[in-house]
Protein backbone atom coordinates (compact mmCIF):
# COMPACT_ATOMS: atom_id res chain seq x y z
CA MET A 1 118.41 88.21 123.79
CA ALA A 2 115.61 90.74 124.27
CA LYS A 3 117.78 92.72 126.72
CA GLU A 4 120.41 93.18 124.02
CA LEU A 5 117.84 94.95 121.86
CA GLU A 6 117.22 97.74 124.35
CA LEU A 7 118.66 101.23 124.09
CA PRO A 8 121.23 102.35 126.68
CA LEU A 9 120.34 104.58 129.59
CA GLY A 10 122.93 106.77 131.27
CA LYS A 11 126.54 106.85 130.08
CA ARG A 12 127.23 105.66 126.52
CA THR A 13 130.39 104.14 125.07
CA ARG A 14 132.71 106.33 123.00
CA LEU A 15 131.58 104.65 119.80
CA TYR A 16 127.93 105.17 120.68
CA ARG A 17 128.58 108.84 121.48
CA PHE A 18 130.38 109.29 118.15
CA PHE A 19 127.31 108.08 116.23
CA GLU A 20 125.01 110.23 118.37
CA ILE A 21 127.08 113.27 117.41
CA LEU A 22 127.41 112.31 113.74
CA PRO A 23 123.99 113.44 112.35
CA GLY A 24 124.18 116.91 113.90
CA MET A 25 127.87 117.29 113.01
CA LEU A 26 127.17 116.52 109.33
CA SER A 27 124.10 118.78 109.24
CA TYR A 28 126.05 121.76 110.59
CA LEU A 29 129.01 120.86 108.37
CA MET A 30 126.88 121.01 105.21
CA ILE A 31 126.03 124.66 105.95
CA ILE A 32 129.53 125.58 107.12
CA LEU A 33 131.06 124.13 103.95
CA LEU A 34 128.99 126.50 101.82
CA PHE A 35 130.64 129.45 103.55
CA VAL A 36 134.09 127.84 103.45
CA PHE A 37 133.91 127.05 99.72
CA SER A 38 132.52 130.51 98.96
CA LEU A 39 135.38 132.17 100.85
CA ILE A 40 137.93 130.07 98.98
CA SER A 41 136.35 130.79 95.60
CA PRO A 42 132.95 131.93 94.32
CA LEU A 43 133.16 129.11 91.75
CA ALA A 44 133.73 126.48 94.47
CA GLY A 45 130.79 127.82 96.49
CA ALA A 46 128.56 127.92 93.41
CA ILE A 47 129.43 124.36 92.38
CA TYR A 48 128.78 123.07 95.90
CA LEU A 49 125.45 124.87 96.07
CA LEU A 50 124.31 123.83 92.59
CA LEU A 51 125.18 120.19 93.26
CA ILE A 52 122.91 120.24 96.30
CA ILE A 53 120.09 122.02 94.48
CA ILE A 54 120.27 119.76 91.42
CA MET A 55 120.27 116.71 93.69
CA MET A 56 117.13 118.03 95.37
CA LEU A 57 115.57 118.81 91.99
CA VAL A 58 116.06 115.20 90.90
CA LYS A 59 114.55 114.03 94.19
CA ALA A 60 111.62 116.43 93.74
CA ILE A 61 110.85 114.94 90.33
CA GLY A 62 110.98 111.43 91.78
CA ILE A 63 108.74 112.48 94.66
CA ALA A 64 106.17 113.97 92.28
CA VAL A 65 106.08 110.81 90.15
CA ARG A 66 105.83 108.48 93.14
CA THR A 67 103.15 110.63 94.74
CA ILE A 68 100.94 110.26 91.66
CA GLN A 69 101.64 106.53 91.40
CA GLY A 70 101.13 105.98 95.12
CA ASN A 71 97.88 107.90 95.20
CA ASN A 72 96.49 105.86 92.29
CA ILE A 73 97.47 102.58 93.97
CA LEU A 74 96.00 103.77 97.26
CA LYS A 75 92.62 104.41 95.60
CA ARG A 76 92.67 101.02 93.87
CA ALA A 77 93.50 99.18 97.09
CA MET A 78 90.79 101.07 98.97
CA ALA A 79 88.23 99.91 96.40
CA VAL A 80 88.98 96.20 97.01
CA ASP A 81 86.53 94.13 99.05
CA TRP A 82 89.20 92.70 101.35
CA ALA A 83 86.59 91.02 103.55
CA LYS A 84 85.49 88.99 100.52
CA ARG A 85 89.05 88.09 99.57
CA LEU A 86 89.79 87.10 103.16
CA GLY A 87 86.68 84.94 103.25
CA GLU A 88 87.78 83.17 100.08
CA LEU A 89 90.89 81.97 101.90
CA GLU A 90 88.76 79.97 104.35
CA ASP A 91 88.24 77.31 101.68
CA ALA A 92 90.98 78.22 99.21
CA HIS A 93 90.54 75.06 97.10
CA ASP A 94 86.85 75.69 96.41
CA SER A 95 87.45 79.43 95.89
CA TYR A 96 90.22 78.84 93.36
CA ASP A 97 88.13 76.34 91.36
CA ARG A 98 85.30 78.86 91.27
CA LEU A 99 87.37 81.96 90.41
CA ALA A 100 90.19 80.60 88.23
CA GLY A 101 88.42 81.54 85.00
CA VAL A 102 86.99 84.84 86.19
CA GLN A 103 88.50 87.97 84.65
CA SER A 104 88.95 91.02 86.84
CA SER A 105 91.02 94.19 86.73
CA GLY A 106 90.86 94.73 90.50
CA TYR A 107 93.95 95.65 92.49
CA GLU A 108 96.38 92.67 92.41
CA TYR A 109 93.57 90.28 91.49
CA GLY A 110 96.01 88.05 89.65
CA GLN A 111 98.12 87.83 92.80
CA HIS A 112 94.97 86.93 94.75
CA LEU A 113 94.31 83.97 92.43
CA LEU A 114 97.93 82.87 92.82
CA ASN A 115 97.58 83.11 96.60
CA LEU A 116 94.45 80.97 96.51
CA LYS A 117 96.24 78.39 94.39
CA THR A 118 99.23 78.31 96.76
CA VAL A 119 97.08 77.99 99.89
CA ALA A 120 94.91 75.32 98.26
CA ALA A 121 97.97 73.22 97.28
CA ALA A 122 99.53 73.35 100.76
CA GLU A 123 99.05 70.74 103.46
CA GLU A 124 96.16 71.30 105.86
CA GLY A 125 97.23 73.65 108.62
CA TYR A 126 100.29 75.04 106.81
CA PHE A 127 98.48 78.34 106.25
CA PRO A 128 96.22 79.62 109.04
CA LYS A 129 92.54 80.07 108.26
CA PRO A 130 90.79 83.42 108.77
CA SER A 131 88.41 81.81 111.28
CA GLN A 132 91.25 80.99 113.68
CA LEU A 133 92.82 84.47 113.77
CA TYR A 134 92.15 87.48 115.96
CA ASN A 135 93.13 91.13 115.74
CA ALA A 136 94.12 92.86 118.97
CA VAL A 137 93.95 96.65 118.89
CA ILE A 138 96.00 98.56 121.47
CA VAL A 139 94.96 102.22 121.77
CA ALA A 140 97.41 104.36 123.75
CA MET A 141 95.78 107.00 125.96
CA TYR A 142 97.24 109.65 128.22
CA ASN A 143 94.68 112.32 129.14
CA GLU A 144 92.51 112.58 126.02
CA SER A 145 88.81 113.32 126.38
CA LEU A 146 85.84 111.21 125.31
CA ASP A 147 85.39 113.55 122.33
CA ILE A 148 88.77 112.38 121.02
CA LEU A 149 88.55 108.70 121.94
CA MET A 150 84.95 107.89 121.04
CA PRO A 151 85.43 108.34 117.25
CA THR A 152 88.54 106.14 117.43
CA VAL A 153 86.76 103.25 119.14
CA GLU A 154 83.75 103.70 116.85
CA SER A 155 85.98 103.56 113.77
CA VAL A 156 87.38 100.20 114.93
CA ARG A 157 83.84 98.97 115.61
CA ASP A 158 82.64 100.10 112.18
CA THR A 159 85.30 98.32 110.10
CA ASP A 160 84.31 95.39 107.89
CA TYR A 161 86.14 92.95 110.16
CA ASP A 162 84.11 90.77 112.54
CA ASN A 163 84.01 92.60 115.88
CA LYS A 164 83.88 89.29 117.73
CA ARG A 165 87.39 88.61 116.46
CA ILE A 166 88.73 91.93 117.76
CA ILE A 167 90.30 92.20 121.20
CA PHE A 168 90.23 95.89 122.14
CA VAL A 169 92.91 97.00 124.61
CA LEU A 170 92.76 100.52 126.02
CA ALA A 171 96.21 101.31 127.44
CA TYR A 172 95.92 104.31 129.75
CA GLU A 173 98.47 106.12 131.90
CA GLU A 174 98.27 106.31 135.69
CA ARG A 175 99.96 109.70 135.40
CA GLY A 176 96.87 110.90 133.52
CA GLY A 177 95.11 111.08 136.89
CA PRO A 178 91.64 110.10 138.11
CA GLU A 179 89.89 111.78 135.16
CA THR A 180 91.77 109.55 132.70
CA GLU A 181 90.74 106.42 134.61
CA LYS A 182 87.16 107.65 134.68
CA THR A 183 87.21 108.16 130.89
CA ALA A 184 88.70 104.69 130.34
CA LYS A 185 85.99 103.03 132.45
CA GLU A 186 83.28 105.00 130.67
CA LEU A 187 84.54 103.75 127.30
CA LYS A 188 84.56 100.17 128.52
CA LYS A 189 81.00 100.60 129.77
CA ARG A 190 79.81 102.01 126.45
CA PHE A 191 81.45 99.32 124.32
CA GLU A 192 80.98 96.32 126.59
CA GLY A 193 79.94 93.33 124.46
CA VAL A 194 80.78 94.96 121.12
CA PHE A 195 84.14 93.23 120.70
CA LYS A 196 85.40 89.81 121.73
CA ASP A 197 86.70 91.62 124.78
CA PHE A 198 87.45 95.16 125.94
CA LEU A 199 90.50 95.24 128.22
CA LEU A 200 91.56 98.17 130.38
CA VAL A 201 95.29 98.21 131.17
CA LYS A 202 96.75 100.88 133.45
CA HIS A 203 100.43 101.75 132.97
CA PRO A 204 101.98 102.51 136.39
CA ASP A 205 103.72 105.84 136.75
CA GLY A 206 107.43 106.09 137.52
CA LYS A 207 108.59 102.66 136.36
CA ARG A 208 112.38 102.24 136.61
CA LYS A 209 114.50 102.14 133.45
CA GLU A 210 111.70 103.60 131.35
CA VAL A 211 111.49 107.01 129.71
CA ILE A 212 108.13 108.73 130.00
CA GLY A 213 106.54 107.75 126.72
CA LYS A 214 104.21 105.66 124.65
CA GLY A 215 106.60 102.70 124.41
CA GLY A 216 106.29 101.80 128.07
CA ASN A 217 102.51 102.15 127.96
CA ILE A 218 101.89 99.87 124.96
CA THR A 219 104.53 97.38 126.16
CA ASN A 220 102.70 97.13 129.48
CA ALA A 221 99.47 96.60 127.53
CA GLY A 222 101.18 94.00 125.33
CA ARG A 223 102.19 91.99 128.39
CA ALA A 224 98.62 92.13 129.68
CA LEU A 225 97.41 90.94 126.27
CA ARG A 226 99.89 88.05 126.42
CA GLU A 227 98.44 86.98 129.79
CA TYR A 228 94.91 87.25 128.38
CA VAL A 229 95.79 85.09 125.36
CA GLU A 230 97.42 82.46 127.61
CA LYS A 231 94.38 82.43 129.88
CA LYS A 232 92.09 81.90 126.89
CA LYS A 233 94.43 79.13 125.64
CA MET A 234 94.94 80.90 122.33
CA LYS A 235 98.14 80.68 120.30
CA TYR A 236 100.36 83.76 120.07
CA SER A 237 100.64 83.21 116.33
CA ASP A 238 96.86 83.50 115.97
CA VAL A 239 96.82 87.12 117.18
CA ILE A 240 97.81 90.15 115.07
CA VAL A 241 98.47 93.26 117.16
CA THR A 242 97.80 96.78 115.88
CA THR A 243 98.80 99.88 117.85
CA LEU A 244 96.75 103.06 117.44
CA ASP A 245 97.03 106.55 118.85
CA SER A 246 93.97 108.03 120.51
CA ASP A 247 92.98 110.02 117.40
CA ASN A 248 93.49 107.26 114.80
CA LYS A 249 90.70 105.98 112.57
CA PRO A 250 91.52 102.88 110.50
CA TYR A 251 89.98 102.54 107.05
CA ARG A 252 87.04 100.12 107.04
CA THR A 253 88.96 97.32 105.25
CA TYR A 254 92.22 97.66 107.22
CA PHE A 255 91.94 94.61 109.50
CA ASP A 256 90.69 92.34 106.69
CA TYR A 257 93.59 93.51 104.51
CA VAL A 258 96.17 92.93 107.25
CA THR A 259 94.77 89.51 108.10
CA TYR A 260 94.77 88.53 104.43
CA GLU A 261 98.45 89.47 104.00
CA TYR A 262 99.34 87.73 107.27
CA ILE A 263 97.85 84.46 106.03
CA VAL A 264 99.33 84.36 102.52
CA HIS A 265 102.95 85.05 103.56
CA GLU A 266 104.88 82.11 104.92
CA ASP A 267 107.40 84.36 106.69
CA ARG A 268 104.57 86.15 108.53
CA LYS A 269 106.41 86.18 111.86
CA ARG A 270 109.20 88.24 110.34
CA LEU A 271 106.90 90.86 108.85
CA SER A 272 105.17 93.91 110.19
CA TYR A 273 102.38 95.67 108.35
CA GLN A 274 102.37 99.41 107.71
CA PRO A 275 99.27 101.35 106.62
CA VAL A 276 99.37 104.83 105.10
CA SER A 277 99.02 107.51 107.75
CA LEU A 278 96.98 110.43 106.40
CA PHE A 279 96.67 113.50 108.63
CA MET A 280 93.28 114.51 107.27
CA ASN A 281 90.75 114.11 110.13
CA ASN A 282 90.64 117.81 111.01
CA ILE A 283 92.56 119.31 108.09
CA TRP A 284 89.94 122.03 107.48
CA ASP A 285 90.22 123.27 111.06
CA ALA A 286 94.01 123.46 111.31
CA PRO A 287 95.91 126.73 110.57
CA ALA A 288 97.55 127.06 107.15
CA PRO A 289 101.16 126.24 108.21
CA ILE A 290 99.92 123.15 110.05
CA ARG A 291 97.92 122.05 107.01
CA ILE A 292 101.04 122.25 104.85
CA ILE A 293 102.94 120.03 107.27
CA ALA A 294 100.04 117.58 107.57
CA VAL A 295 99.64 117.24 103.79
CA GLY A 296 103.40 116.94 103.31
CA ASN A 297 103.65 114.16 105.89
CA SER A 298 100.64 112.41 104.33
CA PHE A 299 102.26 112.51 100.89
CA TRP A 300 105.54 111.23 102.28
CA ASN A 301 103.73 108.24 103.74
CA ILE A 302 102.09 107.57 100.36
CA ILE A 303 105.49 107.78 98.65
CA SER A 304 107.01 105.38 101.18
CA THR A 305 104.58 102.64 100.13
CA MET A 306 106.09 102.85 96.63
CA ARG A 307 109.54 101.99 98.03
CA PRO A 308 109.02 98.90 100.24
CA HIS A 309 112.78 98.37 100.58
CA THR A 310 113.01 101.67 102.48
CA LEU A 311 109.71 101.38 104.37
CA ARG A 312 109.88 101.75 108.15
CA ASN A 313 107.35 101.45 110.96
CA PHE A 314 105.62 104.76 111.56
CA ALA A 315 102.86 105.64 114.02
CA SER A 316 100.20 102.91 113.72
CA HIS A 317 101.33 99.49 112.50
CA SER A 318 100.64 95.78 113.01
CA GLN A 319 102.84 92.89 114.07
CA PRO A 320 102.11 89.28 115.14
CA LEU A 321 101.95 88.64 118.87
CA ASP A 322 104.41 85.74 118.79
CA ALA A 323 107.13 88.03 117.41
CA LEU A 324 106.31 90.76 119.94
CA VAL A 325 106.45 88.34 122.87
CA GLU A 326 109.86 87.05 121.80
CA MET A 327 111.20 90.60 121.38
CA ASN A 328 109.72 91.77 124.69
CA PHE A 329 107.38 94.05 122.74
CA TRP A 330 108.49 97.65 122.09
CA SER A 331 111.33 99.72 123.45
CA VAL A 332 110.56 101.48 126.74
CA ARG A 333 113.60 103.74 126.45
CA THR A 334 112.82 105.94 123.46
CA ILE A 335 110.20 108.54 122.62
CA VAL A 336 110.13 107.28 119.00
CA GLU A 337 109.16 103.66 119.67
CA ASP A 338 107.38 103.33 116.29
CA GLY A 339 110.33 104.00 113.97
CA HIS A 340 112.71 102.31 116.40
CA GLN A 341 110.61 99.15 116.25
CA TYR A 342 111.88 98.57 112.72
CA TRP A 343 115.49 98.40 113.88
CA ARG A 344 114.60 96.42 117.00
CA SER A 345 112.86 93.81 114.83
CA TYR A 346 115.55 93.90 112.15
CA PHE A 347 118.31 93.03 114.59
CA TYR A 348 116.24 90.50 116.52
CA PHE A 349 115.62 88.52 113.33
CA GLY A 350 119.22 88.87 112.14
CA GLY A 351 118.28 91.07 109.19
CA ASP A 352 115.54 88.71 107.96
CA TYR A 353 112.72 91.18 108.56
CA GLU A 354 110.62 93.47 106.36
CA VAL A 355 107.83 96.00 106.60
CA MET A 356 104.96 95.22 104.25
CA PRO A 357 102.93 98.16 102.91
CA ILE A 358 99.20 97.99 103.58
CA ARG A 359 97.92 100.42 101.00
CA VAL A 360 94.85 101.72 102.80
CA PRO A 361 94.86 104.67 105.20
CA ILE A 362 94.69 105.17 108.89
CA TYR A 363 93.39 108.69 109.33
CA GLN A 364 94.99 110.88 111.96
CA ASP A 365 94.58 114.43 113.25
CA ALA A 366 96.66 117.36 112.17
CA VAL A 367 98.00 119.25 115.19
CA LEU A 368 95.33 121.51 116.69
CA ALA A 369 95.46 123.01 120.18
CA ALA A 370 93.24 125.48 122.04
CA THR A 371 94.92 128.61 120.65
CA LEU A 372 96.91 129.52 117.55
CA TRP A 373 100.15 129.95 119.50
CA LYS A 374 99.68 126.65 121.34
CA THR A 375 99.02 124.95 118.01
CA PHE A 376 102.24 126.28 116.47
CA LYS A 377 104.18 125.27 119.59
CA ALA A 378 102.61 121.80 119.67
CA GLN A 379 103.50 121.24 116.02
CA PHE A 380 107.15 122.03 116.68
CA ILE A 381 107.17 119.69 119.68
CA GLN A 382 105.66 116.88 117.59
CA LEU A 383 108.22 117.33 114.79
CA ARG A 384 111.19 117.47 117.15
CA ARG A 385 109.95 114.21 118.68
CA TRP A 386 109.75 112.57 115.24
CA ASP A 387 113.15 113.99 114.32
CA TYR A 388 114.61 112.48 117.47
CA GLY A 389 114.62 109.32 115.36
CA ALA A 390 118.17 110.49 114.62
CA SER A 391 118.98 108.64 117.85
CA ASP A 392 118.64 105.42 115.83
CA VAL A 393 121.82 106.34 113.91
CA ALA A 394 123.86 105.38 116.99
CA TYR A 395 121.76 102.26 117.63
CA VAL A 396 122.36 101.05 114.06
CA GLY A 397 125.91 102.34 113.64
CA THR A 398 127.30 100.60 116.71
CA ARG A 399 125.79 97.31 115.51
CA LEU A 400 127.06 97.79 111.98
CA PHE A 401 130.66 98.57 112.96
CA SER A 402 130.98 95.83 115.56
CA LYS A 403 132.88 92.55 115.69
CA LYS A 404 129.75 91.01 117.24
CA ARG A 405 127.63 92.00 114.25
CA THR A 406 124.58 89.74 113.86
CA VAL A 407 123.54 90.90 110.37
CA ARG A 408 125.32 90.98 107.01
CA PHE A 409 127.52 94.09 106.69
CA TRP A 410 126.72 94.85 103.04
CA ALA A 411 122.99 94.45 103.62
CA LEU A 412 122.96 96.85 106.55
CA LEU A 413 125.41 99.46 105.20
CA PRO A 414 123.02 101.04 102.64
CA LYS A 415 120.24 101.08 105.23
CA PHE A 416 122.54 102.90 107.62
CA PHE A 417 123.50 105.51 105.01
CA ARG A 418 119.85 106.08 104.04
CA LEU A 419 119.00 106.58 107.72
CA LEU A 420 121.84 109.05 108.21
CA ASP A 421 121.22 110.86 104.92
CA GLY A 422 117.52 111.28 105.68
CA HIS A 423 118.16 113.09 108.95
CA VAL A 424 120.99 115.26 107.62
CA THR A 425 119.00 116.23 104.53
CA LEU A 426 115.96 117.10 106.63
CA ALA A 427 117.99 119.53 108.73
CA ALA A 428 120.40 121.16 106.30
CA VAL A 429 118.94 121.28 102.81
CA ALA A 430 115.97 123.67 103.29
CA PRO A 431 118.05 126.64 104.56
CA ILE A 432 120.77 125.96 101.97
CA VAL A 433 118.27 125.97 99.10
CA ALA A 434 116.45 129.03 100.46
CA PHE A 435 119.43 131.25 101.29
CA GLY A 436 122.48 129.54 99.81
CA GLY A 437 122.44 131.57 96.59
CA TRP A 438 123.34 134.72 98.54
CA VAL A 439 126.33 133.26 100.41
CA PRO A 440 128.90 133.51 97.55
CA LEU A 441 127.70 137.06 96.91
CA ILE A 442 127.96 138.15 100.53
CA THR A 443 131.35 136.51 101.08
CA ASN A 444 132.75 138.06 97.86
CA ILE A 445 131.00 141.42 97.93
CA GLU A 446 134.18 143.39 97.34
CA SER A 447 135.45 141.25 94.44
CA ARG A 448 132.47 142.08 92.18
CA ASN A 449 132.62 138.52 90.89
CA LEU A 450 130.12 138.04 88.05
CA LEU A 451 129.29 134.44 89.05
CA ALA A 452 128.60 135.45 92.64
CA TYR A 453 126.26 138.25 91.52
CA ASN A 454 124.30 136.03 89.12
CA LEU A 455 124.08 132.95 91.35
CA PRO A 456 120.86 134.05 93.17
CA ASN A 457 119.13 134.38 89.78
CA VAL A 458 120.37 130.95 88.67
CA VAL A 459 119.14 129.38 91.88
CA SER A 460 115.75 131.08 91.45
CA MET A 461 115.39 129.64 87.95
CA ILE A 462 116.12 126.11 89.22
CA GLN A 463 113.66 126.59 92.06
CA LEU A 464 111.05 127.72 89.52
CA ALA A 465 111.57 124.48 87.60
CA ALA A 466 111.16 122.52 90.82
CA SER A 467 107.83 124.27 91.46
CA ALA A 468 106.21 121.85 88.98
CA GLY A 469 106.41 119.24 91.72
CA LEU A 470 104.72 121.69 94.11
CA PHE A 471 101.93 122.21 91.57
CA ILE A 472 101.30 118.46 91.52
CA THR A 473 101.28 118.46 95.32
CA ILE A 474 98.64 121.21 95.38
CA LEU A 475 96.37 119.41 92.90
CA LEU A 476 96.59 116.09 94.73
CA SER A 477 96.08 117.72 98.12
CA LEU A 478 92.83 119.28 96.88
CA ARG A 479 91.60 115.91 95.60
CA MET A 480 92.43 114.16 98.87
CA LEU A 481 90.71 116.65 101.15
CA PRO A 482 87.71 115.36 103.07
CA LYS A 483 84.40 117.10 102.48
CA ARG A 484 84.45 120.75 103.52
CA PRO A 485 82.48 121.22 106.77
CA ASP A 486 79.34 123.32 106.43
CA ARG A 487 80.75 125.90 108.84
CA TYR A 488 83.26 126.98 106.18
CA LYS A 489 82.33 128.90 103.04
CA LYS A 490 83.57 128.06 99.53
CA GLY A 491 86.24 130.75 99.86
CA LYS A 492 88.11 128.32 102.14
CA ASN A 493 88.98 126.32 98.99
CA VAL A 494 90.92 129.31 97.65
CA ILE A 495 92.84 129.57 100.92
CA MET A 496 93.72 125.88 100.61
CA VAL A 497 95.61 126.80 97.40
CA LEU A 498 97.12 130.11 98.49
CA GLN A 499 98.53 128.57 101.68
CA TRP A 500 101.32 126.91 99.70
CA VAL A 501 103.20 130.21 99.34
CA LEU A 502 104.14 129.59 102.98
CA MET A 503 105.89 126.31 102.18
CA PRO A 504 109.54 127.62 102.11
CA ALA A 505 109.11 129.36 105.46
CA VAL A 506 107.31 126.36 106.98
CA SER A 507 110.08 124.00 105.77
CA ILE A 508 112.77 126.09 107.47
CA VAL A 509 110.96 127.10 110.66
CA TYR A 510 109.51 123.67 111.35
CA SER A 511 111.20 120.82 109.47
CA SER A 512 114.76 122.17 109.52
CA CYS A 513 114.72 123.84 112.95
CA ALA A 514 113.05 120.84 114.61
CA ALA A 515 115.64 118.51 113.09
CA PHE A 516 118.52 120.74 114.20
CA TYR A 517 117.01 120.96 117.68
CA SER A 518 116.87 117.17 118.11
CA GLN A 519 120.27 116.55 116.56
CA THR A 520 121.87 119.26 118.70
CA ARG A 521 120.40 117.69 121.84
CA LEU A 522 121.95 114.38 120.80
CA MET A 523 125.31 116.04 120.12
CA LEU A 524 125.36 117.58 123.58
CA GLY A 525 124.15 114.43 125.31
CA ARG A 526 121.01 116.21 126.52
CA TYR A 527 118.68 113.35 125.74
CA ILE A 528 114.95 113.79 125.30
CA GLU A 529 113.51 111.25 127.71
CA LYS A 530 109.93 112.42 127.93
CA PHE A 531 107.21 111.93 125.34
CA ASP A 532 105.43 115.28 125.07
CA VAL A 533 101.87 114.32 124.15
CA THR A 534 100.49 116.44 121.33
CA ASP A 535 97.46 118.51 122.32
CA LYS A 536 94.26 117.32 120.66
CA VAL A 537 91.28 119.65 120.33
CA ILE A 538 88.06 119.07 118.41
CA LYS A 539 86.63 122.18 116.81
CA LYS A 540 82.86 122.24 116.97
C-alpha cells in the first residue's frame, strides 16, 4: 500500500497532466479575464476587478482578526508549564483527585482536568504513560557549518523535556562531501552522552527513484531509527518523531506539549502535530524585503493554528513512528515533502487523519546569504520551492476523481478546492490588485468612459481601507521581534516600521512571481526535481 502513496516519476497519465496544468492555467486565466472583460465593456472589467478586491478585503479583515486571536493564544500556550502537566498524567488518578477543586485560568486548564479524569477512568495501559515514551529528533543536514548546527542541537538539549528520553538523529548527505561528515562527527563528539543516544545517519548520493531533496534524507534516517528501535526492543508506538531543519530551535516546552497531546488522544496514530514556525532567529540581520516575507510567513503560520480544519504539515512537525513505518516514512520524490506529508497521510488513513496545532513556536531563520544579491536570489528560490506545493493539486485531484477513490468524495472535495484556490490566489491576486485598476482605462482610452477613468481612484480607496489590516500587522510584528542586538542602534526600530511601504512590490516580485514560476514549470512538464538548499549565514 505504501507504494501507492508515492508520486509518479517520468511520464504521467493524461488526467494527472491535466491537474498539473490546472493551477497555472487558472492563474493566467484570472489575469487574462480582466483584459477580456475590460475590452468587452468597462463595466464588466470594473465588476470583475471589484469582486476580486472586495473578496480580498474580506479575507484581509479575517486575517487581521485571526492574527490577533492567534497571537494571544500563542502567548497563553507558551506560558503553560507543559512539563508539569505531562508529569501529572503519570498518575492521572492521584493528580485528578488533587487538582479537581483547584481554580485556574491557565490555557485550556479545564480541558487538562477533563483529560486527567478520562485517563484516570480508563483501564491500565489504555493510555500510554509519559515514562514509557521517547521523542526522536531528526535534523536534516546538507553542508551547514557548526555555527548553524550547534545552536539547533543546543536548543533541543535545553528544552524542558528529559534529555535521556530524546533520541537525536543527525541525517547528513553524502553529497555534502568530507567536510559535512567531519562536522557531523564533531557534533556527535560534543554531545555524546547528553541524549539517550546520538545517531549519525549518512544518506547515500544518487539513489534511484529519488529526487535530490530532504525527503530522501529524512526517510533514510527514519529507516535507521526504525532499526535502532527494533534493536532496543522498543515499541514503534512509544516513539514520537520530530523533523527539524538545521536552523530550527524548538521552544523549551515543545516536546512536553507534543507528548502530552499524544497521550490524551485515543486516535494518536492518525494525528500529526504542527508547531508554529516563526522566522525570527535572525530577523534583525535580514534585509527589509526579506523581513517582510519572514514576518508575513510567521503570521500566516499563526493564523493557520486558528483554523485546524485547514491546517497542513509545514516545515518542522511531529508524527508517531508506528504511522511513519507503515507509510514508508516521507515521500522521496518531491521537494516539498513537508506539505505533501499531509496528503500522503490523509490517503493512507482513508481520510481519517488530522493535523493538531501545537501552539508554541519553532524558531527558524529568515533567508540570509553572504551578499545582498545572493540573499534576494535565495529568497526567491525558497519561495518557488514552497510554491511547488502546487504539484499536490494533481496528486489530490487524480485521487478525488477516480473510481478507485479510497476517501469520501464530499469530504475531500472542499479540501481540493481550498488547495487549488490557495495556489491560484497566491499567484494572480497581487498583480491584479496592484495594477488591475488601470486595465479598463488603458483598454478604453479612446472611449473616455467615466467609469474607466475613475476606477483607479475607487480601487485606491478600497486599498486604503484594507491598510487597517496592515497597520495591525506592523504593530504585532514589532511586539514579536526578538531583542534588538547591541550592534544595531535604536534607529533600526524606525526602519522596521518604514519597511512595510515595500510590501506591494515584495508581494508581486516574490510571492506572485515565485508562484507563477513553479506553476508554469508544472504546466510545461519541466519538473523541479532538486531541492535547492537555502543559504544560511550567521552575521556576527
